[in-house]
Every structure is written in structure tokens, then in C-alpha cells.
Amino acid sequence: MGVFKTSIIVPSYAYTVIKIGFLKQLIMNEETLQKLDEITEIREFVDFISRYYPGLNFNTYVIEDIEKALFHNYIKLIGKIIQYSPSNMRIFLRDYLMKYEIMNIKSVILGTILGMSVTEKSLMVNKLVEKYLNHTDFINELIEIPSLDELQLFMRSTKYNKVIREGILYFKNTNEIFVLETFLDQLYYNNMKRDMKHLNMKEKMLISLYTEYISEIYNLNLIYRGIINNVDRNLILQLLVDSNLFFDKEIFLKLMSLTNIEDFTLLLNQHLRNNKEIRSYLLRSPLNQEHLIWSLEKLYLQYYFKTFEMKLDDIEYQAIYKILEVLIKKDKEIRLYILPKIVDILHEKYQLLK
């Protein structure tokens, strides 16, 4: 049985605030994140971050193993948050975890395409995600399926039916998996938006801005990748998610009409500078051409947290904010700070060995 069936029923957000306060100690502050840049040895680096990732465990000092262990640790953290959260927030957290189930599905599909064995595919998925979602039987059966046609048939009774069908068809016609993977990503954002109706007013206030900003980052990243890889713009248009935070459909279409990243970055900067809500954040943290989407995400994160940090006198509001803070900052910590630094350290070591 998964955590949704066995965990305690939380009577109020007051309990959540106390428990999440302990989990916040696992988030690195800005000073600690800056210290990561001072470490040049991989073992020393892992020892340093381990205090923020209790029980961190992996077999070899290679990026794939470390990344897998970090996200497994993060998913365990989400499991604790689920236990401490009232029912409405559990709906949101379940939707949030869908991102990692989609990663599992992508891995299984890729393994099936490559003709991997059941054992090999099983090693590629994180089964803790499926435990928390009560989908253990689903992922175990999916891993057993030997062909794309049977996989598509298996998915007919799930929320993934349409995107899997269309994605596999596109793959068979082009031998490209990009559309299948992006259809799954699009489903994640659309599902998150659709389930907003289950939330109360305060939950909706904080979570709606979160879903808007992650949807907008997804759209901008999709267009960015489309320009780099010269993807058909009509296809990109089909893969966009409805969002209207700082960019509307008109500006997305203008960005899609561009043919090089320099013009894309120029228009992106120009549009953000013209928006009074985010202009000041952009001035403090200019976009980095080399790591454009990462720096854009950091910009949106600053805006998101500053928008709500002055409204934390209400206990319910405070609890929802703290849940999102732990989720977002821990994810950011892994993707935007720890993993890039590990890549740098390992790359430097490789260069010295050459």
C-alpha cells in the first residue's frame, strides 16, 4: 500500500507548518550554495552535500549514479511532505510527482525501443515514485511489455492514452522520440492546471502562480530547443501549454518566427524589460546567454518567492508557502547548482587524465 493510504490524516495546516520547518533545514542557503564552487574533488563534494541529503547512496562516482541518488533522496523528501499535508495539498503533490512518473515512462519506452530486458528497464525507473502514487502494479506491468504496440494497448485505460498513441505514431513515422517525450511533458503541465479546481482559495493563489511560471519556462525552453534543432514551428505550436504570466500567445509566435538564438535572447530580454513586474529582478540578475533557460528559471524563482514572502502571517498561507518552498528550492538546488558543479568537477578530472 502507498503512502496515500497508510499515512496519518492531518487535521490542519498548523501541524504541517511545524513538520515542514524541520525539512527546511535540508535546504542549502545562498552562502552554502556559493561554497560548492570552492570544492574541486568529487569525494569532498559528495561528503559536503551529504549532510543535506541524509542516506545518500550510490555505487560509483559517475554523474548518472549520483544524479539518480540525489533525485531518489528528493522523492523521499516529497513522501515526507505528503505525510504531513492536508488532503487538498496531497492532490497537488500527487500531480507534482507525476513529473517523475513521466520520467519513468520515458525510460521504459526508450528501453523498449532499444530492446532492453525487463531487468535492465527495471533498473532505469524509480519505483519509490510509483509507491507514493499507488502505481507499483502499473509500472511493473509496463516494464514487462516487450513492444511499442503492446505498450500503447496497455496505456489505453490510463491518462497517458492519447499522448502515447500520438507520440508512438510520430516515432514510427520519423524515428524521432522528441515528440513523444514532449507530449508527455505537455500532459504534466495541463494536468497540473486542470486539478487547480480541487484547491481552496489560498492554495490556488500560491499554486496557480507556480503552475503559470513552470508552464511559461516549459514553453520558452520548447521554443529555444525548436530554434536550435530547427523543429517545425507548427509542431512546436501544438506542443505549447496555455500560459499567460509574462508572455502571451502573440509573443510566443514572434519568438517562434526567429531563426537564431541571438535574436531569441534579444527579444526575450526586451519583452521582460518592458514588464514592470519582473524588470527589477532582471536588472539584478541578467540572463546568461550560455545558460539561458537556467538563468531564466532563477529569475522566475526570485519573482515567485518575493511575491508571497510578505503574506506569511496566516498559518494556512504559511504552510502552503513552506511546502512549495521546500519542493522548489530543493529541486533547484539539485538541477541548477549541484549537478552542474559535479559535471564540472568530473570534466576537469577527465581533462587532467588525458
Protein backbone atom coordinates (compact mmCIF):
# COMPACT_ATOMS: atom_id res chain seq x y z
CA MET A 1 0.00 0.00 0.00
CA GLY A 2 1.24 3.52 -0.79
CA VAL A 3 1.66 6.47 1.48
CA PHE A 4 -1.69 7.96 0.46
CA LYS A 5 -3.47 5.03 2.09
CA THR A 6 -1.33 4.48 5.16
CA SER A 7 -0.24 7.92 6.37
CA ILE A 8 -1.95 9.81 9.15
CA ILE A 9 -4.82 12.16 8.47
CA VAL A 10 -3.59 15.69 9.14
CA PRO A 11 -6.28 17.77 10.88
CA SER A 12 -4.92 21.19 9.94
CA TYR A 13 -2.11 23.18 8.40
CA ALA A 14 -0.76 24.02 11.90
CA TYR A 15 0.76 20.53 12.13
CA THR A 16 2.19 20.94 8.61
CA VAL A 17 4.00 24.19 9.49
CA ILE A 18 5.84 22.52 12.38
CA LYS A 19 6.89 19.45 10.39
CA ILE A 20 7.92 21.33 7.26
CA GLY A 21 10.06 23.58 9.47
CA PHE A 22 12.31 20.57 10.18
CA LEU A 23 12.57 19.70 6.47
CA LYS A 24 13.62 23.26 5.62
CA GLN A 25 16.91 22.55 7.42
CA LEU A 26 17.81 20.29 4.48
CA ILE A 27 17.79 23.23 2.03
CA MET A 28 21.13 24.88 1.31
CA ASN A 29 21.15 28.64 1.85
CA GLU A 30 22.86 31.04 -0.56
CA GLU A 31 26.11 31.02 1.41
CA THR A 32 26.27 27.21 1.31
CA LEU A 33 25.49 27.12 -2.41
CA GLN A 34 28.39 29.50 -3.02
CA LYS A 35 30.72 27.18 -1.07
CA LEU A 36 30.02 24.47 -3.65
CA ASP A 37 32.17 26.41 -6.12
CA GLU A 38 35.18 26.18 -3.82
CA ILE A 39 35.32 22.36 -3.87
CA THR A 40 37.34 20.68 -6.62
CA GLU A 41 37.42 17.00 -5.53
CA ILE A 42 34.36 14.81 -6.14
CA ARG A 43 34.60 12.84 -2.86
CA GLU A 44 34.94 16.02 -0.83
CA PHE A 45 31.99 17.48 -2.74
CA VAL A 46 29.76 14.47 -2.03
CA ASP A 47 30.79 14.48 1.66
CA PHE A 48 29.86 18.18 1.84
CA ILE A 49 26.37 17.79 0.31
CA SER A 50 25.57 14.55 2.19
CA ARG A 51 24.53 16.45 5.33
CA TYR A 52 21.66 17.91 3.25
CA TYR A 53 20.80 14.51 1.71
CA PRO A 54 20.50 12.02 4.61
CA GLY A 55 21.17 8.45 3.50
CA LEU A 56 22.54 9.50 0.09
CA ASN A 57 23.70 6.26 -1.52
CA PHE A 58 25.24 5.36 -4.88
CA ASN A 59 27.67 2.79 -6.28
CA THR A 60 30.14 4.79 -8.35
CA TYR A 61 31.29 8.40 -8.63
CA VAL A 62 29.77 8.89 -12.07
CA ILE A 63 27.20 11.55 -12.89
CA GLU A 64 24.39 9.09 -13.71
CA ASP A 65 24.62 7.27 -10.37
CA ILE A 66 24.93 10.46 -8.34
CA GLU A 67 22.03 12.12 -10.16
CA LYS A 68 19.82 9.08 -9.63
CA ALA A 69 20.69 9.01 -5.91
CA LEU A 70 20.03 12.74 -5.46
CA PHE A 71 16.58 12.55 -7.02
CA HIS A 72 15.74 9.37 -5.09
CA ASN A 73 16.58 11.29 -1.93
CA TYR A 74 14.41 14.19 -3.13
CA ILE A 75 11.47 11.88 -3.81
CA LYS A 76 11.76 10.52 -0.25
CA LEU A 77 11.54 14.13 0.93
CA ILE A 78 8.33 14.58 -1.11
CA GLY A 79 6.98 11.44 0.56
CA LYS A 80 7.50 13.05 3.97
CA ILE A 81 5.75 16.24 2.82
CA ILE A 82 2.80 14.16 1.62
CA GLN A 83 2.53 12.57 5.08
CA TYR A 84 2.47 15.98 6.75
CA SER A 85 -0.02 17.63 4.35
CA PRO A 86 -3.82 18.01 4.39
CA SER A 87 -5.88 16.30 1.68
CA ASN A 88 -6.03 19.18 -0.82
CA MET A 89 -2.26 19.57 -0.85
CA ARG A 90 -1.93 15.84 -1.35
CA ILE A 91 -3.81 16.24 -4.62
CA PHE A 92 -1.28 18.85 -5.72
CA LEU A 93 1.68 16.75 -4.51
CA ARG A 94 0.35 13.74 -6.38
CA ASP A 95 0.19 15.88 -9.54
CA TYR A 96 3.71 17.13 -8.79
CA LEU A 97 5.01 13.55 -8.54
CA MET A 98 3.54 12.81 -11.96
CA LYS A 99 6.64 14.53 -13.39
CA TYR A 100 8.76 11.67 -12.03
CA GLU A 101 6.33 9.00 -13.17
CA ILE A 102 6.63 10.51 -16.66
CA MET A 103 10.42 10.18 -16.37
CA ASN A 104 9.86 6.52 -15.54
CA ILE A 105 7.56 6.07 -18.54
CA LYS A 106 10.08 7.75 -20.86
CA SER A 107 12.81 5.42 -19.58
CA VAL A 108 10.66 2.32 -20.11
CA ILE A 109 9.67 3.42 -23.64
CA LEU A 110 13.30 4.11 -24.55
CA GLY A 111 14.32 0.76 -23.09
CA THR A 112 11.60 -0.96 -25.12
CA ILE A 113 12.76 0.77 -28.32
CA LEU A 114 16.35 -0.33 -27.61
CA GLY A 115 15.26 -3.92 -26.92
CA MET A 116 16.35 -3.93 -23.28
CA SER A 117 15.47 -6.79 -20.95
CA VAL A 118 12.91 -6.48 -18.17
CA THR A 119 15.75 -6.34 -15.61
CA GLU A 120 17.53 -3.54 -17.49
CA LYS A 121 14.34 -1.49 -17.79
CA SER A 122 13.54 -2.07 -14.12
CA LEU A 123 16.90 -0.56 -13.12
CA MET A 124 16.08 2.60 -15.09
CA VAL A 125 12.94 3.53 -13.14
CA ASN A 126 12.40 4.94 -9.67
CA LYS A 127 9.85 2.67 -8.04
CA LEU A 128 9.53 4.84 -4.94
CA VAL A 129 7.61 7.36 -7.08
CA GLU A 130 5.13 4.66 -8.03
CA LYS A 131 4.79 3.57 -4.39
CA TYR A 132 3.76 7.08 -3.36
CA LEU A 133 1.30 7.25 -6.26
CA ASN A 134 -0.05 3.73 -5.56
CA HIS A 135 1.03 2.82 -9.11
CA THR A 136 3.50 -0.01 -8.33
CA ASP A 137 1.48 -2.59 -10.27
CA PHE A 138 1.20 -0.16 -13.20
CA ILE A 139 4.97 0.36 -13.57
CA ASN A 140 5.78 -3.33 -13.02
CA GLU A 141 3.37 -4.35 -15.78
CA LEU A 142 4.68 -1.60 -18.07
CA ILE A 143 8.26 -2.83 -17.63
CA GLU A 144 7.21 -6.35 -18.69
CA ILE A 145 5.79 -5.19 -22.06
CA PRO A 146 8.12 -6.15 -24.94
CA SER A 147 6.86 -3.95 -27.81
CA LEU A 148 5.58 -0.43 -28.51
CA ASP A 149 2.30 -1.76 -29.93
CA GLU A 150 1.55 -3.70 -26.74
CA LEU A 151 2.67 -0.73 -24.65
CA GLN A 152 0.22 1.53 -26.49
CA LEU A 153 -2.56 -1.00 -25.93
CA PHE A 154 -1.72 -1.20 -22.21
CA MET A 155 -1.93 2.61 -21.90
CA ARG A 156 -5.46 2.80 -23.36
CA SER A 157 -7.09 2.80 -19.91
CA THR A 158 -4.78 5.48 -18.48
CA LYS A 159 -4.49 9.29 -18.65
CA TYR A 160 -1.48 8.75 -20.91
CA ASN A 161 -3.52 7.09 -23.67
CA LYS A 162 -3.76 9.92 -26.22
CA VAL A 163 -0.23 11.29 -25.90
CA ILE A 164 1.32 7.81 -26.02
CA ARG A 165 -0.73 6.90 -29.11
CA GLU A 166 0.17 10.09 -30.98
CA GLY A 167 3.78 10.04 -29.82
CA ILE A 168 4.37 6.44 -30.88
CA LEU A 169 2.76 7.15 -34.27
CA TYR A 170 5.12 10.09 -34.76
CA PHE A 171 8.08 7.94 -33.71
CA LYS A 172 7.15 5.21 -36.21
CA ASN A 173 6.94 7.78 -39.00
CA THR A 174 10.11 9.72 -38.19
CA ASN A 175 12.23 7.56 -35.84
CA GLU A 176 12.31 10.61 -33.52
CA ILE A 177 11.33 10.29 -29.84
CA PHE A 178 11.29 14.07 -29.19
CA VAL A 179 7.55 14.50 -29.84
CA LEU A 180 6.56 11.52 -27.69
CA GLU A 181 8.61 12.85 -24.77
CA THR A 182 7.30 16.40 -25.20
CA PHE A 183 3.68 15.27 -25.44
CA LEU A 184 4.19 13.61 -22.05
CA ASP A 185 5.69 16.83 -20.63
CA GLN A 186 2.78 18.85 -22.01
CA LEU A 187 0.34 16.44 -20.34
CA TYR A 188 2.06 17.06 -16.99
CA TYR A 189 1.55 20.85 -17.15
CA ASN A 190 -2.01 20.55 -18.44
CA ASN A 191 -2.88 18.08 -15.69
CA MET A 192 -1.44 20.40 -13.04
CA LYS A 193 -3.56 23.29 -14.32
CA ARG A 194 -6.72 21.19 -14.60
CA ASP A 195 -6.54 19.98 -11.00
CA MET A 196 -6.46 23.54 -9.67
CA LYS A 197 -10.23 23.26 -9.28
CA HIS A 198 -9.76 20.96 -6.27
CA LEU A 199 -7.89 23.59 -4.25
CA ASN A 200 -9.19 26.21 -1.84
CA MET A 201 -8.62 29.93 -2.37
CA LYS A 202 -5.27 30.22 -0.55
CA GLU A 203 -3.89 27.03 -2.08
CA LYS A 204 -4.98 28.19 -5.51
CA MET A 205 -3.36 31.60 -5.04
CA LEU A 206 0.11 30.18 -4.39
CA ILE A 207 -0.07 27.14 -6.64
CA SER A 208 -1.60 28.92 -9.65
CA LEU A 209 1.39 31.28 -9.88
CA TYR A 210 3.72 28.29 -9.55
CA THR A 211 1.97 26.40 -12.38
CA GLU A 212 1.98 29.54 -14.54
CA TYR A 213 5.69 30.13 -14.15
CA ILE A 214 6.73 26.49 -14.74
CA SER A 215 4.41 26.35 -17.79
CA GLU A 216 5.98 29.50 -19.17
CA ILE A 217 9.51 28.17 -18.64
CA TYR A 218 8.44 24.97 -20.42
CA ASN A 219 7.12 26.99 -23.39
CA LEU A 220 10.23 29.17 -23.65
CA ASN A 221 12.52 26.15 -23.38
CA LEU A 222 10.49 24.36 -26.06
CA ILE A 223 10.80 27.30 -28.47
CA TYR A 224 14.51 27.64 -27.59
CA ARG A 225 15.13 23.97 -28.41
CA GLY A 226 12.98 24.29 -31.52
CA ILE A 227 15.18 27.08 -32.86
CA ILE A 228 18.42 25.24 -32.04
CA ASN A 229 17.23 21.98 -33.66
CA ASN A 230 15.19 23.62 -36.44
CA VAL A 231 11.98 21.85 -35.37
CA ASP A 232 8.87 22.54 -37.47
CA ARG A 233 7.19 25.57 -35.92
CA ASN A 234 3.65 24.19 -36.43
CA LEU A 235 4.70 21.19 -34.38
CA ILE A 236 6.09 23.46 -31.64
CA LEU A 237 2.78 25.34 -31.61
CA GLN A 238 0.91 22.08 -30.93
CA LEU A 239 3.22 21.29 -28.02
CA LEU A 240 2.85 24.60 -26.16
CA VAL A 241 0.93 24.84 -22.89
CA ASP A 242 -1.60 27.62 -22.27
CA SER A 243 0.12 30.19 -20.06
CA ASN A 244 -0.12 33.94 -19.68
CA LEU A 245 2.24 35.12 -16.96
CA PHE A 246 4.64 37.48 -18.74
CA PHE A 247 4.25 36.07 -22.25
CA ASP A 248 1.07 35.60 -24.28
CA LYS A 249 0.45 33.68 -27.49
CA GLU A 250 1.35 36.69 -29.64
CA ILE A 251 4.85 36.99 -28.21
CA PHE A 252 5.32 33.20 -28.32
CA LEU A 253 4.52 33.33 -32.06
CA LYS A 254 7.07 36.13 -32.52
CA LEU A 255 9.71 34.10 -30.71
CA MET A 256 8.87 31.03 -32.81
CA SER A 257 9.36 33.02 -36.02
CA LEU A 258 13.04 33.61 -35.17
CA THR A 259 15.80 31.50 -36.66
CA ASN A 260 18.74 32.03 -34.29
CA ILE A 261 19.32 32.11 -30.54
CA GLU A 262 20.85 35.61 -30.55
CA ASP A 263 17.58 37.13 -31.82
CA PHE A 264 15.60 34.90 -29.44
CA THR A 265 17.62 36.15 -26.45
CA LEU A 266 17.35 39.76 -27.61
CA LEU A 267 13.55 39.64 -27.91
CA LEU A 268 13.27 37.71 -24.63
CA ASN A 269 15.26 40.38 -22.77
CA GLN A 270 13.39 43.20 -24.45
CA HIS A 271 9.99 41.77 -23.55
CA LEU A 272 10.95 41.12 -19.92
CA ARG A 273 12.46 44.61 -19.51
CA ASN A 274 9.16 46.09 -20.69
CA ASN A 275 7.24 44.27 -17.96
CA LYS A 276 7.24 46.32 -14.76
CA GLU A 277 6.52 43.25 -12.57
CA ILE A 278 9.76 41.48 -13.40
CA ARG A 279 12.00 44.27 -14.71
CA SER A 280 13.71 44.90 -11.37
CA TYR A 281 14.56 41.19 -10.98
CA LEU A 282 16.07 41.16 -14.47
CA LEU A 283 18.25 44.16 -13.62
CA ARG A 284 19.60 42.36 -10.54
CA SER A 285 20.05 39.02 -12.32
CA PRO A 286 20.62 39.47 -16.08
CA LEU A 287 20.04 36.46 -18.30
CA ASN A 288 23.09 34.35 -19.05
CA GLN A 289 23.41 33.66 -22.80
CA GLU A 290 25.40 30.48 -22.19
CA HIS A 291 22.87 29.05 -19.72
CA LEU A 292 19.79 30.90 -20.87
CA ILE A 293 16.96 28.68 -19.62
CA TRP A 294 18.65 28.08 -16.26
CA SER A 295 19.14 31.79 -15.67
CA LEU A 296 15.55 32.44 -16.78
CA GLU A 297 14.30 29.89 -14.26
CA LYS A 298 16.33 31.52 -11.47
CA LEU A 299 14.77 34.86 -12.43
CA TYR A 300 11.23 33.46 -12.19
CA LEU A 301 12.03 31.84 -8.85
CA GLN A 302 13.12 35.16 -7.37
CA TYR A 303 9.90 36.74 -8.58
CA TYR A 304 7.77 33.89 -7.22
CA PHE A 305 9.14 33.91 -3.68
CA LYS A 306 9.26 37.70 -3.38
CA THR A 307 5.59 37.85 -4.43
CA PHE A 308 4.43 35.90 -1.38
CA GLU A 309 7.03 36.25 1.36
CA MET A 310 5.31 39.29 2.94
CA LYS A 311 2.00 37.48 3.42
CA LEU A 312 3.04 34.79 5.87
CA ASP A 313 1.11 35.89 8.97
CA ASP A 314 -1.73 33.46 8.14
CA ILE A 315 -0.96 29.86 9.29
CA GLU A 316 -2.58 28.17 6.27
CA TYR A 317 -0.86 30.53 3.86
CA GLN A 318 2.43 29.97 5.68
CA ALA A 319 2.12 26.17 5.47
CA ILE A 320 1.36 26.16 1.73
CA TYR A 321 4.25 28.54 1.11
CA LYS A 322 6.66 26.37 3.10
CA ILE A 323 5.63 23.22 1.22
CA LEU A 324 6.24 24.92 -2.11
CA GLU A 325 9.46 26.45 -0.83
CA VAL A 326 10.91 23.06 0.11
CA LEU A 327 9.78 21.46 -3.16
CA ILE A 328 11.02 24.24 -5.43
CA LYS A 329 14.28 25.12 -3.68
CA LYS A 330 15.38 21.51 -3.25
CA ASP A 331 14.68 20.77 -6.92
CA LYS A 332 16.53 23.97 -7.92
CA GLU A 333 19.43 23.06 -5.64
CA ILE A 334 19.92 19.71 -7.40
CA ARG A 335 19.36 20.78 -11.01
CA LEU A 336 20.84 24.28 -11.10
CA TYR A 337 23.69 24.02 -8.60
CA ILE A 338 24.78 20.52 -7.54
CA LEU A 339 24.59 18.61 -10.84
CA PRO A 340 26.31 21.32 -12.95
CA LYS A 341 29.10 21.52 -10.35
CA ILE A 342 29.54 17.72 -10.35
CA VAL A 343 29.76 17.78 -14.14
CA ASP A 344 32.45 20.48 -13.91
CA ILE A 345 34.48 18.54 -11.34
CA LEU A 346 34.30 15.26 -13.27
CA HIS A 347 35.06 17.00 -16.56
CA GLU A 348 38.11 18.70 -15.03
CA LYS A 349 39.30 15.35 -13.68
CA TYR A 350 38.84 13.75 -17.10
CA GLN A 351 40.84 16.54 -18.75
CA LEU A 352 43.72 16.03 -16.30
CA LEU A 353 43.79 12.29 -17.08
CA LYS A 354 44.01 12.84 -20.83
